[in-house]
Amino acid sequence: MTAVREQTAPHPPPSAGRPRRSPGPGPRRPSKDGGPGVWPYVLIAPAVLGTLYLLVYPLVRAVVISLQDFGLRQLILGDARFVGLDNYGTLLGDSRFWEVVRRTFLFMAVNVALIMVLSTLVALMIERLGRFGRTAVLSSLVLTWAMPVIAATTVFQWLFHSEFGIVNAVLKDLGFESFDRYAWFAHGPAAFAILIALIVWQSVPFAAITLYSALTTVPVELYESARLDGASGTRIFRSITFPVVRPIFLLVFSLEVIWTFKAFVQIWVMTNGGPGDATTILPVYAVQTALSSQRYDLGSAASMVTVVLMSGVLVLYFRQMFRQEDELA
């Protein structure tokens, strides 16, 4: 009986008589309210505050100045008074402003059309090249894209210099004597065309590389099936390639519209908006109005009109994108 009792006696718990081990580092426990706590907000606070200070504050400040009588005196003394929408009325009633708006849209349309056509052709060419040719072309595009804007603008200025430019020298050697010491930047259409060539040259690399990356996502089987059915290259692009890359194409199109619409550095450095107003578009007009006439209120109003027009382009793009998503859903 004693042996049986000893065998059936309950054993003490394993933890009795030995030190209790502290629990190891496990998964982080949520806060008492079940949320992640305040640390994520603390970590992103510097980025949010920097964005508000660098982007939102200048925009709000420009809106406020566009609603004030703000000239050089107000800039120094700080006694600007609100005038409501008077600056916008003055701006919209200026015939020069509407001429600048028409020139801005013409400048944007020509640039975007050339950029999208050339970049699409370059992307299709890269897709058909071998490894060596593809590497060489992509490297050239990246180097062109990485060239600073001021440096590229200076190079174009020297290329079309009236006395030392290589373009005049080549044209003269080809028999075009009228281009001897031809002053390109003294003629409005010529300066306008040079600026278009410069911006297209700077913009094609990004658009071409982006479109080429989109072309690599098209399944090869679709091309093979289309060729077996006897489809031509144009039909393959229209029925297979473009529908697949259309979202990226529209994205690049919208970005190029925005970038060319607000082009400023190239024009300001090369022609300063001249000769006359031949190369003046909205961003240049806003700076000229603010600096030359000391009318910072009208310059801010012109900047706000530019922002509204560019926002309209974005709205059109997002509507198209959401419509495509609804069709695919």
C-alpha atoms as a PDB file:
ATOM      1  CA  MET A   1       0.000   0.000   0.000  1.00  0.00           C
ATOM      2  CA  THR A   2       2.846   2.318   0.784  1.00  0.00           C
ATOM      3  CA  ALA A   3       4.439   1.708  -2.613  1.00  0.00           C
ATOM      4  CA  VAL A   4       1.159   2.291  -4.363  1.00  0.00           C
ATOM      5  CA  ARG A   5       0.614   5.513  -2.477  1.00  0.00           C
ATOM      6  CA  GLU A   6       4.079   6.707  -3.337  1.00  0.00           C
ATOM      7  CA  GLN A   7       3.458   6.028  -7.029  1.00  0.00           C
ATOM      8  CA  THR A   8       0.047   7.673  -7.125  1.00  0.00           C
ATOM      9  CA  ALA A   9       1.032  10.684  -5.064  1.00  0.00           C
ATOM     10  CA  PRO A  10       0.747  13.874  -7.074  1.00  0.00           C
ATOM     11  CA  HIS A  11       4.043  15.240  -8.318  1.00  0.00           C
ATOM     12  CA  PRO A  12       4.899  18.859  -7.633  1.00  0.00           C
ATOM     13  CA  PRO A  13       4.680  21.204 -10.604  1.00  0.00           C
ATOM     14  CA  PRO A  14       7.838  21.427 -12.670  1.00  0.00           C
ATOM     15  CA  SER A  15       8.316  25.053 -11.765  1.00  0.00           C
ATOM     16  CA  ALA A  16       8.368  24.344  -8.041  1.00  0.00           C
ATOM     17  CA  GLY A  17      11.784  24.427  -6.453  1.00  0.00           C
ATOM     18  CA  ARG A  18      13.531  25.934  -9.544  1.00  0.00           C
ATOM     19  CA  PRO A  19      13.955  29.547 -10.535  1.00  0.00           C
ATOM     20  CA  ARG A  20      11.400  30.856 -13.030  1.00  0.00           C
ATOM     21  CA  ARG A  21      12.887  31.827 -16.387  1.00  0.00           C
ATOM     22  CA  SER A  22      12.133  35.280 -17.644  1.00  0.00           C
ATOM     23  CA  PRO A  23      10.214  35.316 -20.901  1.00  0.00           C
ATOM     24  CA  GLY A  24      12.316  35.974 -23.982  1.00  0.00           C
ATOM     25  CA  PRO A  25      11.752  38.829 -26.354  1.00  0.00           C
ATOM     26  CA  GLY A  26       8.532  38.054 -28.173  1.00  0.00           C
ATOM     27  CA  PRO A  27       6.483  40.046 -30.618  1.00  0.00           C
ATOM     28  CA  ARG A  28       5.797  43.618 -29.632  1.00  0.00           C
ATOM     29  CA  ARG A  29       2.545  43.979 -27.802  1.00  0.00           C
ATOM     30  CA  PRO A  30       0.087  46.529 -29.044  1.00  0.00           C
ATOM     31  CA  SER A  31      -0.818  49.464 -26.912  1.00  0.00           C
ATOM     32  CA  LYS A  32      -3.723  49.300 -24.517  1.00  0.00           C
ATOM     33  CA  ASP A  33      -6.185  50.743 -27.034  1.00  0.00           C
ATOM     34  CA  GLY A  34      -5.180  48.167 -29.665  1.00  0.00           C
ATOM     35  CA  GLY A  35      -3.411  50.680 -31.956  1.00  0.00           C
ATOM     36  CA  PRO A  36       0.251  50.898 -32.924  1.00  0.00           C
ATOM     37  CA  GLY A  37       0.911  53.833 -30.615  1.00  0.00           C
ATOM     38  CA  VAL A  38       2.335  57.230 -31.457  1.00  0.00           C
ATOM     39  CA  TRP A  39       5.766  56.129 -32.684  1.00  0.00           C
ATOM     40  CA  PRO A  40       4.819  55.859 -36.395  1.00  0.00           C
ATOM     41  CA  TYR A  41       3.520  59.412 -36.304  1.00  0.00           C
ATOM     42  CA  VAL A  42       6.633  60.627 -34.504  1.00  0.00           C
ATOM     43  CA  LEU A  43       8.841  59.002 -37.142  1.00  0.00           C
ATOM     44  CA  ILE A  44       7.055  60.534 -40.130  1.00  0.00           C
ATOM     45  CA  ALA A  45       6.583  63.939 -38.469  1.00  0.00           C
ATOM     46  CA  PRO A  46       9.877  65.427 -39.797  1.00  0.00           C
ATOM     47  CA  ALA A  47       9.031  64.456 -43.379  1.00  0.00           C
ATOM     48  CA  VAL A  48       5.488  65.819 -43.070  1.00  0.00           C
ATOM     49  CA  LEU A  49       6.656  69.076 -41.494  1.00  0.00           C
ATOM     50  CA  GLY A  50       9.344  69.489 -44.153  1.00  0.00           C
ATOM     51  CA  THR A  51       6.807  68.924 -46.919  1.00  0.00           C
ATOM     52  CA  LEU A  52       4.404  71.432 -45.390  1.00  0.00           C
ATOM     53  CA  TYR A  53       7.140  74.040 -45.062  1.00  0.00           C
ATOM     54  CA  LEU A  54       8.713  73.556 -48.492  1.00  0.00           C
ATOM     55  CA  LEU A  55       5.598  72.892 -50.601  1.00  0.00           C
ATOM     56  CA  VAL A  56       2.364  73.856 -48.876  1.00  0.00           C
ATOM     57  CA  TYR A  57       3.511  77.093 -47.242  1.00  0.00           C
ATOM     58  CA  PRO A  58       4.851  78.677 -50.480  1.00  0.00           C
ATOM     59  CA  LEU A  59       1.627  77.740 -52.257  1.00  0.00           C
ATOM     60  CA  VAL A  60      -0.549  79.246 -49.522  1.00  0.00           C
ATOM     61  CA  ARG A  61       1.679  82.333 -49.401  1.00  0.00           C
ATOM     62  CA  ALA A  62       1.375  82.800 -53.169  1.00  0.00           C
ATOM     63  CA  VAL A  63      -2.419  82.534 -52.930  1.00  0.00           C
ATOM     64  CA  VAL A  64      -2.480  85.177 -50.184  1.00  0.00           C
ATOM     65  CA  ILE A  65      -0.219  87.561 -52.130  1.00  0.00           C
ATOM     66  CA  SER A  66      -2.391  87.160 -55.242  1.00  0.00           C
ATOM     67  CA  LEU A  67      -5.309  88.491 -53.196  1.00  0.00           C
ATOM     68  CA  GLN A  68      -3.398  91.529 -51.894  1.00  0.00           C
ATOM     69  CA  ASP A  69      -2.050  94.818 -53.186  1.00  0.00           C
ATOM     70  CA  PHE A  70       1.555  93.688 -52.909  1.00  0.00           C
ATOM     71  CA  GLY A  71       4.323  95.707 -54.509  1.00  0.00           C
ATOM     72  CA  LEU A  72       7.829  96.744 -53.542  1.00  0.00           C
ATOM     73  CA  ARG A  73       6.586  99.032 -50.765  1.00  0.00           C
ATOM     74  CA  GLN A  74       4.499  96.250 -49.233  1.00  0.00           C
ATOM     75  CA  LEU A  75       7.441  93.874 -49.513  1.00  0.00           C
ATOM     76  CA  ILE A  76       9.573  96.221 -47.396  1.00  0.00           C
ATOM     77  CA  LEU A  77       7.020  97.623 -44.949  1.00  0.00           C
ATOM     78  CA  GLY A  78       4.616  94.683 -44.812  1.00  0.00           C
ATOM     79  CA  ASP A  79       1.391  96.722 -44.863  1.00  0.00           C
ATOM     80  CA  ALA A  80      -0.310  94.890 -47.719  1.00  0.00           C
ATOM     81  CA  ARG A  81      -4.073  95.108 -47.885  1.00  0.00           C
ATOM     82  CA  PHE A  82      -6.493  92.602 -49.342  1.00  0.00           C
ATOM     83  CA  VAL A  83      -8.099  93.523 -52.645  1.00  0.00           C
ATOM     84  CA  GLY A  84      -9.965  90.287 -53.315  1.00  0.00           C
ATOM     85  CA  LEU A  85      -9.956  89.143 -56.930  1.00  0.00           C
ATOM     86  CA  ASP A  86      -8.898  92.490 -58.391  1.00  0.00           C
ATOM     87  CA  ASN A  87      -5.495  91.147 -59.413  1.00  0.00           C
ATOM     88  CA  TYR A  88      -7.126  88.283 -61.291  1.00  0.00           C
ATOM     89  CA  GLY A  89      -9.443  90.750 -63.016  1.00  0.00           C
ATOM     90  CA  THR A  90      -6.492  92.891 -64.064  1.00  0.00           C
ATOM     91  CA  LEU A  91      -4.641  89.829 -65.273  1.00  0.00           C
ATOM     92  CA  LEU A  92      -7.533  88.384 -67.251  1.00  0.00           C
ATOM     93  CA  GLY A  93      -8.200  91.767 -68.828  1.00  0.00           C
ATOM     94  CA  ASP A  94      -4.648  92.043 -70.182  1.00  0.00           C
ATOM     95  CA  SER A  95      -4.400  91.154 -73.872  1.00  0.00           C
ATOM     96  CA  ARG A  96      -0.708  90.299 -73.427  1.00  0.00           C
ATOM     97  CA  PHE A  97      -1.658  87.686 -70.849  1.00  0.00           C
ATOM     98  CA  TRP A  98      -3.980  85.891 -73.276  1.00  0.00           C
ATOM     99  CA  GLU A  99      -1.301  85.989 -75.982  1.00  0.00           C
ATOM    100  CA  VAL A 100       1.091  84.351 -73.500  1.00  0.00           C
ATOM    101  CA  VAL A 101      -1.526  81.689 -72.663  1.00  0.00           C
ATOM    102  CA  ARG A 102      -1.971  80.825 -76.352  1.00  0.00           C
ATOM    103  CA  ARG A 103       1.791  80.662 -76.816  1.00  0.00           C
ATOM    104  CA  THR A 104       2.090  78.450 -73.726  1.00  0.00           C
ATOM    105  CA  PHE A 105      -0.399  75.925 -75.070  1.00  0.00           C
ATOM    106  CA  LEU A 106       1.271  75.962 -78.498  1.00  0.00           C
ATOM    107  CA  PHE A 107       4.667  75.442 -76.874  1.00  0.00           C
ATOM    108  CA  MET A 108       3.300  72.585 -74.761  1.00  0.00           C
ATOM    109  CA  ALA A 109       1.467  70.888 -77.642  1.00  0.00           C
ATOM    110  CA  VAL A 110       4.448  70.901 -80.024  1.00  0.00           C
ATOM    111  CA  ASN A 111       6.859  69.704 -77.347  1.00  0.00           C
ATOM    112  CA  VAL A 112       4.630  66.922 -76.035  1.00  0.00           C
ATOM    113  CA  ALA A 113       3.775  65.670 -79.531  1.00  0.00           C
ATOM    114  CA  LEU A 114       7.439  65.480 -80.541  1.00  0.00           C
ATOM    115  CA  ILE A 115       8.501  63.946 -77.221  1.00  0.00           C
ATOM    116  CA  MET A 116       5.871  61.192 -77.271  1.00  0.00           C
ATOM    117  CA  VAL A 117       6.433  60.282 -80.935  1.00  0.00           C
ATOM    118  CA  LEU A 118      10.232  60.226 -80.714  1.00  0.00           C
ATOM    119  CA  SER A 119      10.319  58.440 -77.346  1.00  0.00           C
ATOM    120  CA  THR A 120       7.913  55.753 -78.605  1.00  0.00           C
ATOM    121  CA  LEU A 121      10.053  55.180 -81.686  1.00  0.00           C
ATOM    122  CA  VAL A 122      13.226  55.041 -79.590  1.00  0.00           C
ATOM    123  CA  ALA A 123      11.620  52.584 -77.145  1.00  0.00           C
ATOM    124  CA  LEU A 124      10.519  50.312 -80.003  1.00  0.00           C
ATOM    125  CA  MET A 125      14.021  50.492 -81.488  1.00  0.00           C
ATOM    126  CA  ILE A 126      15.644  49.558 -78.164  1.00  0.00           C
ATOM    127  CA  GLU A 127      13.322  46.564 -77.850  1.00  0.00           C
ATOM    128  CA  ARG A 128      14.568  45.192 -81.181  1.00  0.00           C
ATOM    129  CA  LEU A 129      18.279  45.754 -80.566  1.00  0.00           C
ATOM    130  CA  GLY A 130      20.709  43.160 -79.316  1.00  0.00           C
ATOM    131  CA  ARG A 131      22.379  43.262 -75.938  1.00  0.00           C
ATOM    132  CA  PHE A 132      25.302  45.449 -77.024  1.00  0.00           C
ATOM    133  CA  GLY A 133      23.173  47.909 -78.973  1.00  0.00           C
ATOM    134  CA  ARG A 134      20.572  48.084 -76.214  1.00  0.00           C
ATOM    135  CA  THR A 135      23.226  48.780 -73.602  1.00  0.00           C
ATOM    136  CA  ALA A 136      24.839  51.480 -75.726  1.00  0.00           C
ATOM    137  CA  VAL A 137      21.560  53.280 -76.448  1.00  0.00           C
ATOM    138  CA  LEU A 138      20.319  53.080 -72.845  1.00  0.00           C
ATOM    139  CA  SER A 139      23.665  54.359 -71.551  1.00  0.00           C
ATOM    140  CA  SER A 140      23.525  57.288 -73.981  1.00  0.00           C
ATOM    141  CA  LEU A 141      19.988  58.114 -72.888  1.00  0.00           C
ATOM    142  CA  VAL A 142      20.914  58.022 -69.218  1.00  0.00           C
ATOM    143  CA  LEU A 143      23.924  60.303 -69.774  1.00  0.00           C
ATOM    144  CA  THR A 144      21.771  62.742 -71.740  1.00  0.00           C
ATOM    145  CA  TRP A 145      19.116  62.668 -69.042  1.00  0.00           C
ATOM    146  CA  ALA A 146      21.705  63.247 -66.295  1.00  0.00           C
ATOM    147  CA  MET A 147      23.140  66.359 -67.947  1.00  0.00           C
ATOM    148  CA  PRO A 148      22.335  69.470 -65.874  1.00  0.00           C
ATOM    149  CA  VAL A 149      19.765  71.816 -67.379  1.00  0.00           C
ATOM    150  CA  ILE A 150      22.022  74.869 -67.254  1.00  0.00           C
ATOM    151  CA  ALA A 151      24.887  72.986 -68.908  1.00  0.00           C
ATOM    152  CA  ALA A 152      22.650  71.696 -71.720  1.00  0.00           C
ATOM    153  CA  THR A 153      21.209  75.169 -72.270  1.00  0.00           C
ATOM    154  CA  THR A 154      24.694  76.678 -72.467  1.00  0.00           C
ATOM    155  CA  VAL A 155      25.746  74.039 -75.008  1.00  0.00           C
ATOM    156  CA  PHE A 156      22.757  74.880 -77.218  1.00  0.00           C
ATOM    157  CA  GLN A 157      23.565  78.583 -76.927  1.00  0.00           C
ATOM    158  CA  TRP A 158      27.064  77.943 -78.261  1.00  0.00           C
ATOM    159  CA  LEU A 159      25.816  75.613 -80.986  1.00  0.00           C
ATOM    160  CA  PHE A 160      23.615  78.402 -82.398  1.00  0.00           C
ATOM    161  CA  HIS A 161      25.975  81.302 -81.664  1.00  0.00           C
ATOM    162  CA  SER A 162      25.979  83.814 -84.499  1.00  0.00           C
ATOM    163  CA  GLU A 163      29.783  83.986 -84.839  1.00  0.00           C
ATOM    164  CA  PHE A 164      31.232  80.872 -83.219  1.00  0.00           C
ATOM    165  CA  GLY A 165      28.332  78.419 -83.506  1.00  0.00           C
ATOM    166  CA  ILE A 166      28.923  75.153 -85.288  1.00  0.00           C
ATOM    167  CA  VAL A 167      25.433  75.175 -86.808  1.00  0.00           C
ATOM    168  CA  ASN A 168      26.106  78.347 -88.805  1.00  0.00           C
ATOM    169  CA  ALA A 169      29.511  77.001 -89.882  1.00  0.00           C
ATOM    170  CA  VAL A 170      28.041  73.716 -91.127  1.00  0.00           C
ATOM    171  CA  LEU A 171      25.167  75.419 -92.964  1.00  0.00           C
ATOM    172  CA  LYS A 172      27.586  77.853 -94.609  1.00  0.00           C
ATOM    173  CA  ASP A 173      29.843  74.988 -95.725  1.00  0.00           C
ATOM    174  CA  LEU A 174      26.796  73.289 -97.252  1.00  0.00           C
ATOM    175  CA  GLY A 175      26.183  76.325 -99.433  1.00  0.00           C
ATOM    176  CA  PHE A 176      23.636  78.252 -97.375  1.00  0.00           C
ATOM    177  CA  GLU A 177      25.405  81.608 -97.401  1.00  0.00           C
ATOM    178  CA  SER A 178      22.449  83.346 -95.776  1.00  0.00           C
ATOM    179  CA  PHE A 179      23.324  81.655 -92.494  1.00  0.00           C
ATOM    180  CA  ASP A 180      26.707  83.394 -92.290  1.00  0.00           C
ATOM    181  CA  ARG A 181      26.620  85.114 -88.874  1.00  0.00           C
ATOM    182  CA  TYR A 182      22.907  84.423 -88.663  1.00  0.00           C
ATOM    183  CA  ALA A 183      21.550  85.628 -85.309  1.00  0.00           C
ATOM    184  CA  TRP A 184      19.231  82.803 -84.286  1.00  0.00           C
ATOM    185  CA  PHE A 185      18.175  84.334 -80.988  1.00  0.00           C
ATOM    186  CA  ALA A 186      17.280  87.660 -82.596  1.00  0.00           C
ATOM    187  CA  HIS A 187      14.444  86.061 -84.577  1.00  0.00           C
ATOM    188  CA  GLY A 188      11.364  84.923 -82.680  1.00  0.00           C
ATOM    189  CA  PRO A 189      10.458  81.773 -84.652  1.00  0.00           C
ATOM    190  CA  ALA A 190      14.090  80.614 -84.710  1.00  0.00           C
ATOM    191  CA  ALA A 191      14.508  81.082 -80.944  1.00  0.00           C
ATOM    192  CA  PHE A 192      11.173  79.338 -80.361  1.00  0.00           C
ATOM    193  CA  ALA A 193      12.299  76.356 -82.482  1.00  0.00           C
ATOM    194  CA  ILE A 194      15.669  76.127 -80.681  1.00  0.00           C
ATOM    195  CA  LEU A 195      13.947  76.020 -77.303  1.00  0.00           C
ATOM    196  CA  ILE A 196      11.641  73.269 -78.522  1.00  0.00           C
ATOM    197  CA  ALA A 197      14.635  71.278 -79.775  1.00  0.00           C
ATOM    198  CA  LEU A 198      16.391  71.727 -76.409  1.00  0.00           C
ATOM    199  CA  ILE A 199      13.429  70.610 -74.305  1.00  0.00           C
ATOM    200  CA  VAL A 200      12.683  67.661 -76.587  1.00  0.00           C
ATOM    201  CA  TRP A 201      16.334  66.605 -76.411  1.00  0.00           C
ATOM    202  CA  GLN A 202      16.231  66.750 -72.604  1.00  0.00           C
ATOM    203  CA  SER A 203      12.852  65.016 -72.244  1.00  0.00           C
ATOM    204  CA  VAL A 204      13.066  62.108 -74.692  1.00  0.00           C
ATOM    205  CA  PRO A 205      15.482  59.994 -72.548  1.00  0.00           C
ATOM    206  CA  PHE A 206      13.132  59.719 -69.568  1.00  0.00           C
ATOM    207  CA  ALA A 207      10.073  59.036 -71.720  1.00  0.00           C
ATOM    208  CA  ALA A 208      11.900  56.496 -73.904  1.00  0.00           C
ATOM    209  CA  ILE A 209      13.339  54.541 -70.958  1.00  0.00           C
ATOM    210  CA  THR A 210       9.968  54.492 -69.205  1.00  0.00           C
ATOM    211  CA  LEU A 211       8.134  53.311 -72.319  1.00  0.00           C
ATOM    212  CA  TYR A 212      10.791  50.683 -72.989  1.00  0.00           C
ATOM    213  CA  SER A 213      10.319  49.289 -69.477  1.00  0.00           C
ATOM    214  CA  ALA A 214       6.601  49.072 -70.223  1.00  0.00           C
ATOM    215  CA  LEU A 215       7.253  47.286 -73.521  1.00  0.00           C
ATOM    216  CA  THR A 216       9.174  44.563 -71.701  1.00  0.00           C
ATOM    217  CA  THR A 217       5.946  43.582 -69.903  1.00  0.00           C
ATOM    218  CA  VAL A 218       4.125  42.647 -73.125  1.00  0.00           C
ATOM    219  CA  PRO A 219       3.994  38.816 -73.399  1.00  0.00           C
ATOM    220  CA  VAL A 220       6.045  37.497 -76.298  1.00  0.00           C
ATOM    221  CA  GLU A 221       3.371  34.869 -77.015  1.00  0.00           C
ATOM    222  CA  LEU A 222       0.982  37.595 -78.129  1.00  0.00           C
ATOM    223  CA  TYR A 223       3.463  38.809 -80.729  1.00  0.00           C
ATOM    224  CA  GLU A 224       4.079  35.289 -81.992  1.00  0.00           C
ATOM    225  CA  SER A 225       0.357  34.568 -82.316  1.00  0.00           C
ATOM    226  CA  ALA A 226      -0.223  37.833 -84.170  1.00  0.00           C
ATOM    227  CA  ARG A 227       2.610  37.122 -86.618  1.00  0.00           C
ATOM    228  CA  LEU A 228       1.236  33.648 -87.275  1.00  0.00           C
ATOM    229  CA  ASP A 229      -2.094  35.243 -88.114  1.00  0.00           C
ATOM    230  CA  GLY A 230      -0.349  37.504 -90.618  1.00  0.00           C
ATOM    231  CA  ALA A 231      -0.736  40.789 -88.720  1.00  0.00           C
ATOM    232  CA  SER A 232       1.460  43.670 -89.849  1.00  0.00           C
ATOM    233  CA  GLY A 233       3.738  45.639 -87.542  1.00  0.00           C
ATOM    234  CA  THR A 234       1.326  48.560 -87.413  1.00  0.00           C
ATOM    235  CA  ARG A 235      -1.596  46.268 -86.567  1.00  0.00           C
ATOM    236  CA  ILE A 236       0.443  44.536 -83.849  1.00  0.00           C
ATOM    237  CA  PHE A 237       1.316  47.877 -82.257  1.00  0.00           C
ATOM    238  CA  ARG A 238      -2.248  49.136 -82.437  1.00  0.00           C
ATOM    239  CA  SER A 239      -3.957  45.957 -81.211  1.00  0.00           C
ATOM    240  CA  ILE A 240      -1.423  44.426 -78.810  1.00  0.00           C
ATOM    241  CA  THR A 241       1.411  46.745 -77.801  1.00  0.00           C
ATOM    242  CA  PHE A 242      -0.414  49.997 -77.216  1.00  0.00           C
ATOM    243  CA  PRO A 243      -3.336  48.562 -75.183  1.00  0.00           C
ATOM    244  CA  VAL A 244      -0.853  46.921 -72.797  1.00  0.00           C
ATOM    245  CA  VAL A 245       1.383  49.977 -72.342  1.00  0.00           C
ATOM    246  CA  ARG A 246      -1.439  52.535 -72.453  1.00  0.00           C
ATOM    247  CA  PRO A 247      -1.463  53.255 -68.674  1.00  0.00           C
ATOM    248  CA  ILE A 248       2.275  53.988 -68.694  1.00  0.00           C
ATOM    249  CA  PHE A 249       1.902  55.939 -71.935  1.00  0.00           C
ATOM    250  CA  LEU A 250      -0.774  58.150 -70.380  1.00  0.00           C
ATOM    251  CA  LEU A 251       1.344  58.623 -67.262  1.00  0.00           C
ATOM    252  CA  VAL A 252       4.352  59.753 -69.298  1.00  0.00           C
ATOM    253  CA  PHE A 253       2.086  61.950 -71.404  1.00  0.00           C
ATOM    254  CA  SER A 254       0.695  63.691 -68.308  1.00  0.00           C
ATOM    255  CA  LEU A 255       4.154  64.198 -66.814  1.00  0.00           C
ATOM    256  CA  GLU A 256       5.477  65.684 -70.035  1.00  0.00           C
ATOM    257  CA  VAL A 257       2.492  68.029 -70.251  1.00  0.00           C
ATOM    258  CA  ILE A 258       3.208  69.300 -66.750  1.00  0.00           C
ATOM    259  CA  TRP A 259       6.964  69.586 -67.237  1.00  0.00           C
ATOM    260  CA  THR A 260       6.743  71.429 -70.542  1.00  0.00           C
ATOM    261  CA  PHE A 261       3.906  73.622 -69.310  1.00  0.00           C
ATOM    262  CA  LYS A 262       6.045  74.935 -66.461  1.00  0.00           C
ATOM    263  CA  ALA A 263       9.344  75.122 -68.360  1.00  0.00           C
ATOM    264  CA  PHE A 264      11.250  78.124 -67.102  1.00  0.00           C
ATOM    265  CA  VAL A 265      14.991  77.610 -66.640  1.00  0.00           C
ATOM    266  CA  GLN A 266      15.805  76.923 -70.294  1.00  0.00           C
ATOM    267  CA  ILE A 267      13.828  79.941 -71.532  1.00  0.00           C
ATOM    268  CA  TRP A 268      15.106  82.305 -68.854  1.00  0.00           C
ATOM    269  CA  VAL A 269      18.746  81.376 -69.382  1.00  0.00           C
ATOM    270  CA  MET A 270      18.668  81.248 -73.192  1.00  0.00           C
ATOM    271  CA  THR A 271      16.359  84.094 -74.264  1.00  0.00           C
ATOM    272  CA  ASN A 272      14.880  85.678 -71.116  1.00  0.00           C
ATOM    273  CA  GLY A 273      11.533  85.448 -72.878  1.00  0.00           C
ATOM    274  CA  GLY A 274      12.685  87.355 -75.968  1.00  0.00           C
ATOM    275  CA  PRO A 275      13.085  88.552 -78.542  1.00  0.00           C
ATOM    276  CA  GLY A 276      10.101  90.642 -77.560  1.00  0.00           C
ATOM    277  CA  ASP A 277       7.621  88.109 -76.215  1.00  0.00           C
ATOM    278  CA  ALA A 278       8.385  85.417 -78.802  1.00  0.00           C
ATOM    279  CA  THR A 279       9.425  82.837 -76.191  1.00  0.00           C
ATOM    280  CA  THR A 280       7.472  84.102 -73.180  1.00  0.00           C
ATOM    281  CA  ILE A 281       5.178  81.482 -71.633  1.00  0.00           C
ATOM    282  CA  LEU A 282       3.218  81.632 -68.378  1.00  0.00           C
ATOM    283  CA  PRO A 283       6.038  80.868 -65.879  1.00  0.00           C
ATOM    284  CA  VAL A 284       8.317  83.402 -67.590  1.00  0.00           C
ATOM    285  CA  TYR A 285       5.474  85.925 -67.720  1.00  0.00           C
ATOM    286  CA  ALA A 286       4.872  85.533 -63.987  1.00  0.00           C
ATOM    287  CA  VAL A 287       8.537  86.165 -63.163  1.00  0.00           C
ATOM    288  CA  GLN A 288       8.763  89.104 -65.547  1.00  0.00           C
ATOM    289  CA  THR A 289       5.670  90.682 -64.024  1.00  0.00           C
ATOM    290  CA  ALA A 290       6.905  90.180 -60.469  1.00  0.00           C
ATOM    291  CA  LEU A 291      10.514  91.304 -60.980  1.00  0.00           C
ATOM    292  CA  SER A 292      10.436  93.816 -63.814  1.00  0.00           C
ATOM    293  CA  SER A 293       7.263  95.639 -62.807  1.00  0.00           C
ATOM    294  CA  GLN A 294       7.597  94.986 -59.059  1.00  0.00           C
ATOM    295  CA  ARG A 295       4.013  93.671 -59.140  1.00  0.00           C
ATOM    296  CA  TYR A 296       4.355  90.604 -56.975  1.00  0.00           C
ATOM    297  CA  ASP A 297       0.584  90.368 -56.649  1.00  0.00           C
ATOM    298  CA  LEU A 298       0.070  90.021 -60.413  1.00  0.00           C
ATOM    299  CA  GLY A 299       2.992  87.605 -60.646  1.00  0.00           C
ATOM    300  CA  SER A 300       1.449  85.430 -57.929  1.00  0.00           C
ATOM    301  CA  ALA A 301      -1.918  85.567 -59.700  1.00  0.00           C
ATOM    302  CA  ALA A 302      -0.266  84.390 -62.929  1.00  0.00           C
ATOM    303  CA  SER A 303       1.397  81.562 -61.013  1.00  0.00           C
ATOM    304  CA  MET A 304      -1.955  80.502 -59.555  1.00  0.00           C
ATOM    305  CA  VAL A 305      -3.496  80.456 -63.036  1.00  0.00           C
ATOM    306  CA  THR A 306      -0.633  78.204 -64.137  1.00  0.00           C
ATOM    307  CA  VAL A 307      -1.275  75.873 -61.193  1.00  0.00           C
ATOM    308  CA  VAL A 308      -4.988  75.711 -62.011  1.00  0.00           C
ATOM    309  CA  LEU A 309      -4.324  74.862 -65.655  1.00  0.00           C
ATOM    310  CA  MET A 310      -1.836  72.137 -64.733  1.00  0.00           C
ATOM    311  CA  SER A 311      -4.271  70.771 -62.148  1.00  0.00           C
ATOM    312  CA  GLY A 312      -6.863  70.528 -64.895  1.00  0.00           C
ATOM    313  CA  VAL A 313      -4.484  68.323 -66.872  1.00  0.00           C
ATOM    314  CA  LEU A 314      -4.031  66.089 -63.818  1.00  0.00           C
ATOM    315  CA  VAL A 315      -7.778  65.828 -63.309  1.00  0.00           C
ATOM    316  CA  LEU A 316      -8.232  64.720 -66.909  1.00  0.00           C
ATOM    317  CA  TYR A 317      -5.508  62.104 -66.506  1.00  0.00           C
ATOM    318  CA  PHE A 318      -6.908  60.658 -63.276  1.00  0.00           C
ATOM    319  CA  ARG A 319     -10.415  60.519 -64.744  1.00  0.00           C
ATOM    320  CA  GLN A 320      -9.067  58.567 -67.696  1.00  0.00           C
ATOM    321  CA  MET A 321      -7.092  56.261 -65.404  1.00  0.00           C
ATOM    322  CA  PHE A 322     -10.073  55.531 -63.151  1.00  0.00           C
ATOM    323  CA  ARG A 323     -12.254  54.917 -66.199  1.00  0.00           C
ATOM    324  CA  GLN A 324      -9.770  52.331 -67.458  1.00  0.00           C
ATOM    325  CA  GLU A 325      -9.735  50.637 -64.063  1.00  0.00           C
ATOM    326  CA  ASP A 326     -13.533  50.442 -64.107  1.00  0.00           C
ATOM    327  CA  GLU A 327     -13.450  48.889 -67.574  1.00  0.00           C
ATOM    328  CA  LEU A 328     -10.937  46.255 -66.446  1.00  0.00           C
ATOM    329  CA  ALA A 329     -12.845  45.472 -63.226  1.00  0.00           C
END
